[in-house]
């Protein structure tokens, strides 16, 4: 199967009117930009795309200039990073994209692996950061060694992405997979987008490549050096990232607050976008990035 095409799969993509394509860091990025005000950079997680923020983009654009890219290997962003999709390389590539746009983030928010990228960037920038369902810590014990090894094995097998994509195209399979993996229930638009993404072998290969090259142990060692304020928001029913790992990450950070999304799963920001928007706005107001509403 060929890569996703904007004139085909992207014809009815959420917030399509805000989309543009930008050359930076050797990639052709699909990025959505909306609004005015302080720059807010939103980074999706592994296997997702700009659509992950579909219901948050409009409300946030009322107070921010919102920049939302498809990460390398994901969605409609094309090209390959010369050093591979390691955490530092992806963070550097995102930084190059923002610089190409002539912008400087005042706030960065990431979901899952996107939160790891955000904090990797924060090591150098000291930018206030929000992590939704953040995947920041290595798997415990034996899994720390087995999971990266398994991801590498799956990535180097050229048939695996095609097999996974073929399975995802089965009727109702995307919804069942997402619920098993995340314990989240999302709307029909989100399910349609995930079905498009997970049904494409190029996108699946990009997600596997990212997992195969991730080194969260190195990030965990850097967390105590981060001076910027951080908020971590975690669904209490999240089955993908253990709450204990988020608590561990928060303890390592110098200035961290942990809040819970009661009854929600790993895709909490998609299940309850209004609450997620309020969290971003309150955090930004607390740190004088935007004025408090009504002030």
C-alpha atoms as a PDB file:
ATOM      1  CA  UNK A   1       0.000   0.000   0.000  1.00  0.00           C
ATOM      2  CA  UNK A   2       1.205   3.528  -0.805  1.00  0.00           C
ATOM      3  CA  UNK A   3       1.586   6.318   1.739  1.00  0.00           C
ATOM      4  CA  UNK A   4      -1.457   8.310   2.750  1.00  0.00           C
ATOM      5  CA  UNK A   5      -2.420  10.926   0.171  1.00  0.00           C
ATOM      6  CA  UNK A   6      -3.810  14.326   1.088  1.00  0.00           C
ATOM      7  CA  UNK A   7      -5.975  14.456  -2.037  1.00  0.00           C
ATOM      8  CA  UNK A   8      -7.490  11.071  -1.206  1.00  0.00           C
ATOM      9  CA  UNK A   9      -7.509  10.106   2.498  1.00  0.00           C
ATOM     10  CA  UNK A  10      -7.111  13.747   3.538  1.00  0.00           C
ATOM     11  CA  UNK A  11     -10.141  15.083   1.693  1.00  0.00           C
ATOM     12  CA  UNK A  12     -12.322  15.177   4.826  1.00  0.00           C
ATOM     13  CA  UNK A  13      -9.596  15.323   7.493  1.00  0.00           C
ATOM     14  CA  UNK A  14     -10.582  17.223  10.649  1.00  0.00           C
ATOM     15  CA  UNK A  15      -9.646  20.920  10.509  1.00  0.00           C
ATOM     16  CA  UNK A  16      -8.452  20.502   6.919  1.00  0.00           C
ATOM     17  CA  UNK A  17      -8.859  24.243   6.299  1.00  0.00           C
ATOM     18  CA  UNK A  18      -5.987  24.941   8.726  1.00  0.00           C
ATOM     19  CA  UNK A  19      -3.569  22.524   7.038  1.00  0.00           C
ATOM     20  CA  UNK A  20      -0.419  23.358   5.123  1.00  0.00           C
ATOM     21  CA  UNK A  21       2.741  21.535   4.076  1.00  0.00           C
ATOM     22  CA  UNK A  22       6.172  22.766   5.191  1.00  0.00           C
ATOM     23  CA  UNK A  23       9.698  21.589   4.277  1.00  0.00           C
ATOM     24  CA  UNK A  24      11.996  21.335   7.294  1.00  0.00           C
ATOM     25  CA  UNK A  25      14.648  18.938   8.651  1.00  0.00           C
ATOM     26  CA  UNK A  26      14.557  16.934   5.426  1.00  0.00           C
ATOM     27  CA  UNK A  27      10.828  16.191   5.815  1.00  0.00           C
ATOM     28  CA  UNK A  28       7.667  17.428   4.166  1.00  0.00           C
ATOM     29  CA  UNK A  29       5.494  18.140   7.192  1.00  0.00           C
ATOM     30  CA  UNK A  30       1.741  18.206   7.366  1.00  0.00           C
ATOM     31  CA  UNK A  31       0.977  20.869   9.967  1.00  0.00           C
ATOM     32  CA  UNK A  32      -2.208  22.595  11.066  1.00  0.00           C
ATOM     33  CA  UNK A  33      -1.993  26.213  12.260  1.00  0.00           C
ATOM     34  CA  UNK A  34      -4.837  28.310  13.643  1.00  0.00           C
ATOM     35  CA  UNK A  35      -5.534  31.280  15.879  1.00  0.00           C
ATOM     36  CA  UNK A  36      -3.423  34.116  17.261  1.00  0.00           C
ATOM     37  CA  UNK A  37      -1.618  34.888  20.488  1.00  0.00           C
ATOM     38  CA  UNK A  38       1.123  32.990  22.341  1.00  0.00           C
ATOM     39  CA  UNK A  39       2.322  29.929  20.438  1.00  0.00           C
ATOM     40  CA  UNK A  40       0.997  26.572  21.666  1.00  0.00           C
ATOM     41  CA  UNK A  41       2.628  23.486  20.130  1.00  0.00           C
ATOM     42  CA  UNK A  42       0.575  20.259  20.276  1.00  0.00           C
ATOM     43  CA  UNK A  43       2.325  16.898  19.713  1.00  0.00           C
ATOM     44  CA  UNK A  44       0.331  13.705  19.190  1.00  0.00           C
ATOM     45  CA  UNK A  45       1.320  10.224  20.347  1.00  0.00           C
ATOM     46  CA  UNK A  46       2.618   7.151  18.542  1.00  0.00           C
ATOM     47  CA  UNK A  47       0.211   5.912  15.871  1.00  0.00           C
ATOM     48  CA  UNK A  48      -1.906   9.086  15.861  1.00  0.00           C
ATOM     49  CA  UNK A  49      -1.852  12.354  13.879  1.00  0.00           C
ATOM     50  CA  UNK A  50      -3.162  15.926  13.956  1.00  0.00           C
ATOM     51  CA  UNK A  51      -6.679  14.503  14.251  1.00  0.00           C
ATOM     52  CA  UNK A  52      -5.923  13.607  17.874  1.00  0.00           C
ATOM     53  CA  UNK A  53      -6.413  17.306  18.738  1.00  0.00           C
ATOM     54  CA  UNK A  54      -9.420  17.821  16.425  1.00  0.00           C
ATOM     55  CA  UNK A  55     -11.871  19.045  19.069  1.00  0.00           C
ATOM     56  CA  UNK A  56      -9.307  21.113  20.967  1.00  0.00           C
ATOM     57  CA  UNK A  57      -7.828  23.086  18.061  1.00  0.00           C
ATOM     58  CA  UNK A  58     -10.755  25.476  17.539  1.00  0.00           C
ATOM     59  CA  UNK A  59     -11.309  26.427  21.189  1.00  0.00           C
ATOM     60  CA  UNK A  60      -7.568  26.805  21.858  1.00  0.00           C
ATOM     61  CA  UNK A  61      -7.137  28.944  18.739  1.00  0.00           C
ATOM     62  CA  UNK A  62      -9.292  31.597  20.414  1.00  0.00           C
ATOM     63  CA  UNK A  63      -6.393  32.374  22.782  1.00  0.00           C
ATOM     64  CA  UNK A  64      -3.294  30.855  21.169  1.00  0.00           C
ATOM     65  CA  UNK A  65      -1.510  30.466  17.865  1.00  0.00           C
ATOM     66  CA  UNK A  66      -1.849  26.684  17.754  1.00  0.00           C
ATOM     67  CA  UNK A  67       0.668  24.596  15.785  1.00  0.00           C
ATOM     68  CA  UNK A  68      -0.170  20.909  15.311  1.00  0.00           C
ATOM     69  CA  UNK A  69       2.146  18.727  13.158  1.00  0.00           C
ATOM     70  CA  UNK A  70       1.969  15.122  12.039  1.00  0.00           C
ATOM     71  CA  UNK A  71       5.130  13.631  13.552  1.00  0.00           C
ATOM     72  CA  UNK A  72       7.801  11.974  11.358  1.00  0.00           C
ATOM     73  CA  UNK A  73       6.543   8.700   9.883  1.00  0.00           C
ATOM     74  CA  UNK A  74       2.960   9.538  10.820  1.00  0.00           C
ATOM     75  CA  UNK A  75      -0.113  10.710   8.970  1.00  0.00           C
ATOM     76  CA  UNK A  76       0.594  12.969   6.013  1.00  0.00           C
ATOM     77  CA  UNK A  77       4.162  13.954   6.956  1.00  0.00           C
ATOM     78  CA  UNK A  78       6.583  12.331   4.506  1.00  0.00           C
ATOM     79  CA  UNK A  79      10.308  11.666   4.420  1.00  0.00           C
ATOM     80  CA  UNK A  80      12.775   9.987   6.758  1.00  0.00           C
ATOM     81  CA  UNK A  81      15.018  11.358   9.480  1.00  0.00           C
ATOM     82  CA  UNK A  82      18.680  10.745   8.630  1.00  0.00           C
ATOM     83  CA  UNK A  83      19.464   9.549  12.173  1.00  0.00           C
ATOM     84  CA  UNK A  84      16.281   7.537  12.525  1.00  0.00           C
ATOM     85  CA  UNK A  85      13.229   8.415  14.662  1.00  0.00           C
ATOM     86  CA  UNK A  86      15.049   8.479  18.002  1.00  0.00           C
ATOM     87  CA  UNK A  87      13.635  10.704  20.715  1.00  0.00           C
ATOM     88  CA  UNK A  88      16.384  13.372  20.373  1.00  0.00           C
ATOM     89  CA  UNK A  89      16.169  13.292  16.558  1.00  0.00           C
ATOM     90  CA  UNK A  90      12.380  13.720  16.522  1.00  0.00           C
ATOM     91  CA  UNK A  91      12.587  16.542  19.084  1.00  0.00           C
ATOM     92  CA  UNK A  92      15.261  18.293  17.000  1.00  0.00           C
ATOM     93  CA  UNK A  93      13.168  17.877  13.846  1.00  0.00           C
ATOM     94  CA  UNK A  94      10.113  19.398  15.526  1.00  0.00           C
ATOM     95  CA  UNK A  95      12.296  22.277  16.720  1.00  0.00           C
ATOM     96  CA  UNK A  96      13.476  22.819  13.117  1.00  0.00           C
ATOM     97  CA  UNK A  97       9.867  22.869  11.918  1.00  0.00           C
ATOM     98  CA  UNK A  98       8.883  25.528  14.457  1.00  0.00           C
ATOM     99  CA  UNK A  99      11.941  27.600  13.548  1.00  0.00           C
ATOM    100  CA  UNK A 100      11.071  27.290   9.849  1.00  0.00           C
ATOM    101  CA  UNK A 101       7.651  28.696  10.705  1.00  0.00           C
ATOM    102  CA  UNK A 102       9.391  31.609  12.442  1.00  0.00           C
ATOM    103  CA  UNK A 103       7.724  30.853  15.761  1.00  0.00           C
ATOM    104  CA  UNK A 104       8.785  30.212  19.366  1.00  0.00           C
ATOM    105  CA  UNK A 105       6.472  28.111  21.568  1.00  0.00           C
ATOM    106  CA  UNK A 106       5.315  29.673  24.818  1.00  0.00           C
ATOM    107  CA  UNK A 107       3.735  26.349  25.827  1.00  0.00           C
ATOM    108  CA  UNK A 108       4.064  22.765  24.585  1.00  0.00           C
ATOM    109  CA  UNK A 109       1.540  19.995  25.184  1.00  0.00           C
ATOM    110  CA  UNK A 110       1.991  16.386  24.137  1.00  0.00           C
ATOM    111  CA  UNK A 111       0.012  13.188  24.370  1.00  0.00           C
ATOM    112  CA  UNK A 112       1.709   9.903  25.328  1.00  0.00           C
ATOM    113  CA  UNK A 113       4.939   9.723  23.273  1.00  0.00           C
ATOM    114  CA  UNK A 114       4.269  13.329  22.283  1.00  0.00           C
ATOM    115  CA  UNK A 115       4.726  14.254  25.942  1.00  0.00           C
ATOM    116  CA  UNK A 116       8.164  12.621  25.866  1.00  0.00           C
ATOM    117  CA  UNK A 117       9.068  14.684  22.797  1.00  0.00           C
ATOM    118  CA  UNK A 118       7.794  17.827  24.514  1.00  0.00           C
ATOM    119  CA  UNK A 119       9.952  17.215  27.592  1.00  0.00           C
ATOM    120  CA  UNK A 120      12.956  16.314  25.444  1.00  0.00           C
ATOM    121  CA  UNK A 121      12.548  19.756  23.859  1.00  0.00           C
ATOM    122  CA  UNK A 122      12.053  21.341  27.285  1.00  0.00           C
ATOM    123  CA  UNK A 123      15.466  20.090  28.415  1.00  0.00           C
ATOM    124  CA  UNK A 124      16.914  22.774  26.136  1.00  0.00           C
ATOM    125  CA  UNK A 125      14.176  25.407  26.038  1.00  0.00           C
ATOM    126  CA  UNK A 126      12.742  25.533  29.610  1.00  0.00           C
ATOM    127  CA  UNK A 127       9.284  25.906  28.076  1.00  0.00           C
ATOM    128  CA  UNK A 128       6.249  25.172  30.280  1.00  0.00           C
ATOM    129  CA  UNK A 129       4.924  21.738  29.325  1.00  0.00           C
ATOM    130  CA  UNK A 130       1.750  19.679  29.653  1.00  0.00           C
ATOM    131  CA  UNK A 131       1.727  15.904  29.238  1.00  0.00           C
ATOM    132  CA  UNK A 132      -1.558  14.117  28.559  1.00  0.00           C
ATOM    133  CA  UNK A 133      -1.337  10.386  29.425  1.00  0.00           C
ATOM    134  CA  UNK A 134       2.450  10.816  29.297  1.00  0.00           C
ATOM    135  CA  UNK A 135       4.690   7.899  28.322  1.00  0.00           C
ATOM    136  CA  UNK A 136       7.874   9.096  30.025  1.00  0.00           C
ATOM    137  CA  UNK A 137       9.349   6.193  31.962  1.00  0.00           C
ATOM    138  CA  UNK A 138      10.906   2.879  30.833  1.00  0.00           C
ATOM    139  CA  UNK A 139       8.872  -0.297  31.206  1.00  0.00           C
ATOM    140  CA  UNK A 140       9.663  -1.990  34.524  1.00  0.00           C
ATOM    141  CA  UNK A 141      11.930  -5.000  34.920  1.00  0.00           C
ATOM    142  CA  UNK A 142      12.199  -7.511  32.103  1.00  0.00           C
ATOM    143  CA  UNK A 143       9.756  -5.554  29.928  1.00  0.00           C
ATOM    144  CA  UNK A 144      12.301  -2.728  29.723  1.00  0.00           C
ATOM    145  CA  UNK A 145      14.506  -5.036  27.658  1.00  0.00           C
ATOM    146  CA  UNK A 146      11.866  -7.091  25.878  1.00  0.00           C
ATOM    147  CA  UNK A 147       9.600  -4.327  24.563  1.00  0.00           C
ATOM    148  CA  UNK A 148      12.229  -2.333  22.602  1.00  0.00           C
ATOM    149  CA  UNK A 149      13.663  -5.606  21.282  1.00  0.00           C
ATOM    150  CA  UNK A 150      10.206  -6.763  20.152  1.00  0.00           C
ATOM    151  CA  UNK A 151       9.527  -3.428  18.458  1.00  0.00           C
ATOM    152  CA  UNK A 152      12.820  -3.705  16.579  1.00  0.00           C
ATOM    153  CA  UNK A 153      12.014  -7.249  15.439  1.00  0.00           C
ATOM    154  CA  UNK A 154       8.584  -6.182  14.208  1.00  0.00           C
ATOM    155  CA  UNK A 155      10.018  -3.118  12.467  1.00  0.00           C
ATOM    156  CA  UNK A 156      12.662  -4.998  10.481  1.00  0.00           C
ATOM    157  CA  UNK A 157      10.107  -7.560   9.283  1.00  0.00           C
ATOM    158  CA  UNK A 158       8.681  -5.954   6.112  1.00  0.00           C
ATOM    159  CA  UNK A 159       5.463  -7.983   6.322  1.00  0.00           C
ATOM    160  CA  UNK A 160       4.403  -6.896   9.827  1.00  0.00           C
ATOM    161  CA  UNK A 161       3.077  -3.393   8.971  1.00  0.00           C
ATOM    162  CA  UNK A 162       1.077  -4.804   6.061  1.00  0.00           C
ATOM    163  CA  UNK A 163      -0.374  -7.591   8.200  1.00  0.00           C
ATOM    164  CA  UNK A 164      -1.314  -5.166  10.973  1.00  0.00           C
ATOM    165  CA  UNK A 165      -2.861  -2.718   8.490  1.00  0.00           C
ATOM    166  CA  UNK A 166      -4.886  -5.504   6.850  1.00  0.00           C
ATOM    167  CA  UNK A 167      -6.236  -6.552  10.243  1.00  0.00           C
ATOM    168  CA  UNK A 168      -7.108  -2.940  11.141  1.00  0.00           C
ATOM    169  CA  UNK A 169      -9.189  -2.616   7.967  1.00  0.00           C
ATOM    170  CA  UNK A 170     -11.542  -5.332   9.208  1.00  0.00           C
ATOM    171  CA  UNK A 171     -15.047  -4.168  10.104  1.00  0.00           C
ATOM    172  CA  UNK A 172     -15.104  -2.712  13.617  1.00  0.00           C
ATOM    173  CA  UNK A 173     -11.559  -3.857  14.353  1.00  0.00           C
ATOM    174  CA  UNK A 174     -10.149  -0.365  14.942  1.00  0.00           C
ATOM    175  CA  UNK A 175     -12.729   0.412  17.620  1.00  0.00           C
ATOM    176  CA  UNK A 176     -12.128  -2.926  19.353  1.00  0.00           C
ATOM    177  CA  UNK A 177      -8.342  -2.482  19.189  1.00  0.00           C
ATOM    178  CA  UNK A 178      -8.421   1.065  20.546  1.00  0.00           C
ATOM    179  CA  UNK A 179     -10.653   0.118  23.457  1.00  0.00           C
ATOM    180  CA  UNK A 180      -8.510  -2.889  24.366  1.00  0.00           C
ATOM    181  CA  UNK A 181      -5.319  -0.839  24.167  1.00  0.00           C
ATOM    182  CA  UNK A 182      -6.506   2.392  25.793  1.00  0.00           C
ATOM    183  CA  UNK A 183      -9.814   1.805  27.639  1.00  0.00           C
ATOM    184  CA  UNK A 184     -11.099   4.912  25.855  1.00  0.00           C
ATOM    185  CA  UNK A 185     -14.321   5.412  23.922  1.00  0.00           C
ATOM    186  CA  UNK A 186     -14.024   8.133  21.289  1.00  0.00           C
ATOM    187  CA  UNK A 187     -16.398   9.630  18.726  1.00  0.00           C
ATOM    188  CA  UNK A 188     -17.117   8.434  15.183  1.00  0.00           C
ATOM    189  CA  UNK A 189     -14.817  11.011  13.581  1.00  0.00           C
ATOM    190  CA  UNK A 190     -11.885   9.878  15.702  1.00  0.00           C
ATOM    191  CA  UNK A 191     -12.583   6.225  14.931  1.00  0.00           C
ATOM    192  CA  UNK A 192     -12.731   6.981  11.203  1.00  0.00           C
ATOM    193  CA  UNK A 193      -9.376   8.748  11.321  1.00  0.00           C
ATOM    194  CA  UNK A 194      -7.703   5.985  13.327  1.00  0.00           C
ATOM    195  CA  UNK A 195      -9.130   3.399  10.916  1.00  0.00           C
ATOM    196  CA  UNK A 196      -7.578   5.313   8.009  1.00  0.00           C
ATOM    197  CA  UNK A 197      -4.224   5.588   9.755  1.00  0.00           C
ATOM    198  CA  UNK A 198      -3.995   2.070  11.174  1.00  0.00           C
ATOM    199  CA  UNK A 199      -5.230   0.625   7.888  1.00  0.00           C
ATOM    200  CA  UNK A 200      -2.211   2.095   6.086  1.00  0.00           C
ATOM    201  CA  UNK A 201       0.990   0.037   6.214  1.00  0.00           C
ATOM    202  CA  UNK A 202       3.279   3.077   5.734  1.00  0.00           C
ATOM    203  CA  UNK A 203       1.783   4.759   8.784  1.00  0.00           C
ATOM    204  CA  UNK A 204       2.029   1.512  10.789  1.00  0.00           C
ATOM    205  CA  UNK A 205       5.691   1.188   9.787  1.00  0.00           C
ATOM    206  CA  UNK A 206       6.340   4.750  10.964  1.00  0.00           C
ATOM    207  CA  UNK A 207       4.747   4.042  14.341  1.00  0.00           C
ATOM    208  CA  UNK A 208       6.752   0.828  14.768  1.00  0.00           C
ATOM    209  CA  UNK A 209       9.960   2.623  13.804  1.00  0.00           C
ATOM    210  CA  UNK A 210       9.370   5.228  16.480  1.00  0.00           C
ATOM    211  CA  UNK A 211       8.780   2.569  19.144  1.00  0.00           C
ATOM    212  CA  UNK A 212      11.850   0.631  18.025  1.00  0.00           C
ATOM    213  CA  UNK A 213      14.101   3.682  18.406  1.00  0.00           C
ATOM    214  CA  UNK A 214      12.718   5.081  21.675  1.00  0.00           C
ATOM    215  CA  UNK A 215      15.014   5.359  24.724  1.00  0.00           C
ATOM    216  CA  UNK A 216      12.935   6.464  27.694  1.00  0.00           C
ATOM    217  CA  UNK A 217      15.670   5.559  30.194  1.00  0.00           C
ATOM    218  CA  UNK A 218      17.808   8.414  28.856  1.00  0.00           C
ATOM    219  CA  UNK A 219      14.849  10.812  29.127  1.00  0.00           C
ATOM    220  CA  UNK A 220      14.138   9.692  32.700  1.00  0.00           C
ATOM    221  CA  UNK A 221      17.726  10.571  33.615  1.00  0.00           C
ATOM    222  CA  UNK A 222      17.202  14.080  32.230  1.00  0.00           C
ATOM    223  CA  UNK A 223      13.890  14.804  33.977  1.00  0.00           C
ATOM    224  CA  UNK A 224      15.528  16.106  37.200  1.00  0.00           C
ATOM    225  CA  UNK A 225      17.387  18.736  35.135  1.00  0.00           C
ATOM    226  CA  UNK A 226      14.186  20.348  33.835  1.00  0.00           C
ATOM    227  CA  UNK A 227      13.415  23.670  35.531  1.00  0.00           C
ATOM    228  CA  UNK A 228      10.241  24.482  33.604  1.00  0.00           C
ATOM    229  CA  UNK A 229       6.819  23.982  35.198  1.00  0.00           C
ATOM    230  CA  UNK A 230       5.159  20.745  34.091  1.00  0.00           C
ATOM    231  CA  UNK A 231       1.608  19.450  34.428  1.00  0.00           C
ATOM    232  CA  UNK A 232       0.845  15.770  33.840  1.00  0.00           C
ATOM    233  CA  UNK A 233      -2.778  14.740  33.250  1.00  0.00           C
ATOM    234  CA  UNK A 234      -3.651  11.050  33.379  1.00  0.00           C
ATOM    235  CA  UNK A 235      -6.836   9.055  32.836  1.00  0.00           C
ATOM    236  CA  UNK A 236      -7.665   6.904  35.856  1.00  0.00           C
ATOM    237  CA  UNK A 237      -8.689   4.032  33.555  1.00  0.00           C
ATOM    238  CA  UNK A 238      -5.607   4.304  31.290  1.00  0.00           C
ATOM    239  CA  UNK A 239      -4.456   0.764  30.467  1.00  0.00           C
ATOM    240  CA  UNK A 240      -1.581   1.807  28.197  1.00  0.00           C
ATOM    241  CA  UNK A 241       0.538   3.833  30.635  1.00  0.00           C
ATOM    242  CA  UNK A 242       0.518   2.825  34.316  1.00  0.00           C
ATOM    243  CA  UNK A 243      -0.374   5.569  36.772  1.00  0.00           C
ATOM    244  CA  UNK A 244       2.630   4.527  38.875  1.00  0.00           C
ATOM    245  CA  UNK A 245       5.002   5.438  36.031  1.00  0.00           C
ATOM    246  CA  UNK A 246       3.429   8.889  35.711  1.00  0.00           C
ATOM    247  CA  UNK A 247       3.751   9.387  39.472  1.00  0.00           C
ATOM    248  CA  UNK A 248       7.420   8.355  39.256  1.00  0.00           C
ATOM    249  CA  UNK A 249       8.035  10.855  36.449  1.00  0.00           C
ATOM    250  CA  UNK A 250       6.335  13.643  38.384  1.00  0.00           C
ATOM    251  CA  UNK A 251       8.530  12.971  41.422  1.00  0.00           C
ATOM    252  CA  UNK A 252      11.648  13.275  39.259  1.00  0.00           C
ATOM    253  CA  UNK A 253      10.621  16.648  37.873  1.00  0.00           C
ATOM    254  CA  UNK A 254      11.475  19.760  39.903  1.00  0.00           C
ATOM    255  CA  UNK A 255       8.163  21.562  39.337  1.00  0.00           C
ATOM    256  CA  UNK A 256       5.397  19.097  38.524  1.00  0.00           C
ATOM    257  CA  UNK A 257       1.691  18.790  39.225  1.00  0.00           C
ATOM    258  CA  UNK A 258      -0.279  15.606  38.502  1.00  0.00           C
ATOM    259  CA  UNK A 259      -4.027  15.724  37.835  1.00  0.00           C
ATOM    260  CA  UNK A 260      -6.423  12.865  37.134  1.00  0.00           C
ATOM    261  CA  UNK A 261      -9.054  12.493  34.436  1.00  0.00           C
ATOM    262  CA  UNK A 262     -11.557  10.446  36.420  1.00  0.00           C
ATOM    263  CA  UNK A 263     -13.041   7.483  34.556  1.00  0.00           C
ATOM    264  CA  UNK A 264     -11.165   8.142  31.305  1.00  0.00           C
ATOM    265  CA  UNK A 265      -8.594   6.097  29.408  1.00  0.00           C
ATOM    266  CA  UNK A 266      -5.387   6.732  27.501  1.00  0.00           C
ATOM    267  CA  UNK A 267      -7.157   8.986  24.973  1.00  0.00           C
ATOM    268  CA  UNK A 268      -8.661  11.160  27.715  1.00  0.00           C
ATOM    269  CA  UNK A 269      -8.053  14.382  25.756  1.00  0.00           C
ATOM    270  CA  UNK A 270     -10.165  12.965  22.916  1.00  0.00           C
ATOM    271  CA  UNK A 271     -12.871  11.661  25.238  1.00  0.00           C
ATOM    272  CA  UNK A 272     -13.164  14.937  27.174  1.00  0.00           C
ATOM    273  CA  UNK A 273     -11.708  17.684  24.949  1.00  0.00           C
ATOM    274  CA  UNK A 274     -13.508  20.506  26.760  1.00  0.00           C
ATOM    275  CA  UNK A 275     -11.920  19.517  30.059  1.00  0.00           C
ATOM    276  CA  UNK A 276      -8.522  19.199  28.351  1.00  0.00           C
ATOM    277  CA  UNK A 277      -8.901  22.693  26.855  1.00  0.00           C
ATOM    278  CA  UNK A 278      -9.770  24.133  30.263  1.00  0.00           C
ATOM    279  CA  UNK A 279      -6.705  22.454  31.758  1.00  0.00           C
ATOM    280  CA  UNK A 280      -4.443  24.009  29.089  1.00  0.00           C
ATOM    281  CA  UNK A 281      -5.990  27.456  29.532  1.00  0.00           C
ATOM    282  CA  UNK A 282      -5.785  27.334  33.333  1.00  0.00           C
ATOM    283  CA  UNK A 283      -2.151  26.189  33.243  1.00  0.00           C
ATOM    284  CA  UNK A 284      -1.280  28.946  30.748  1.00  0.00           C
ATOM    285  CA  UNK A 285      -2.990  31.583  32.890  1.00  0.00           C
ATOM    286  CA  UNK A 286      -1.275  30.302  36.041  1.00  0.00           C
ATOM    287  CA  UNK A 287       2.114  30.832  34.368  1.00  0.00           C
ATOM    288  CA  UNK A 288       1.228  34.223  32.827  1.00  0.00           C
ATOM    289  CA  UNK A 289       1.231  32.904  29.251  1.00  0.00           C
ATOM    290  CA  UNK A 290      -2.319  34.175  28.750  1.00  0.00           C
ATOM    291  CA  UNK A 291      -4.497  36.392  30.897  1.00  0.00           C
ATOM    292  CA  UNK A 292      -7.085  34.838  33.163  1.00  0.00           C
ATOM    293  CA  UNK A 293     -10.470  34.909  31.425  1.00  0.00           C
ATOM    294  CA  UNK A 294     -12.566  37.808  32.603  1.00  0.00           C
ATOM    295  CA  UNK A 295      -9.532  39.688  33.938  1.00  0.00           C
END
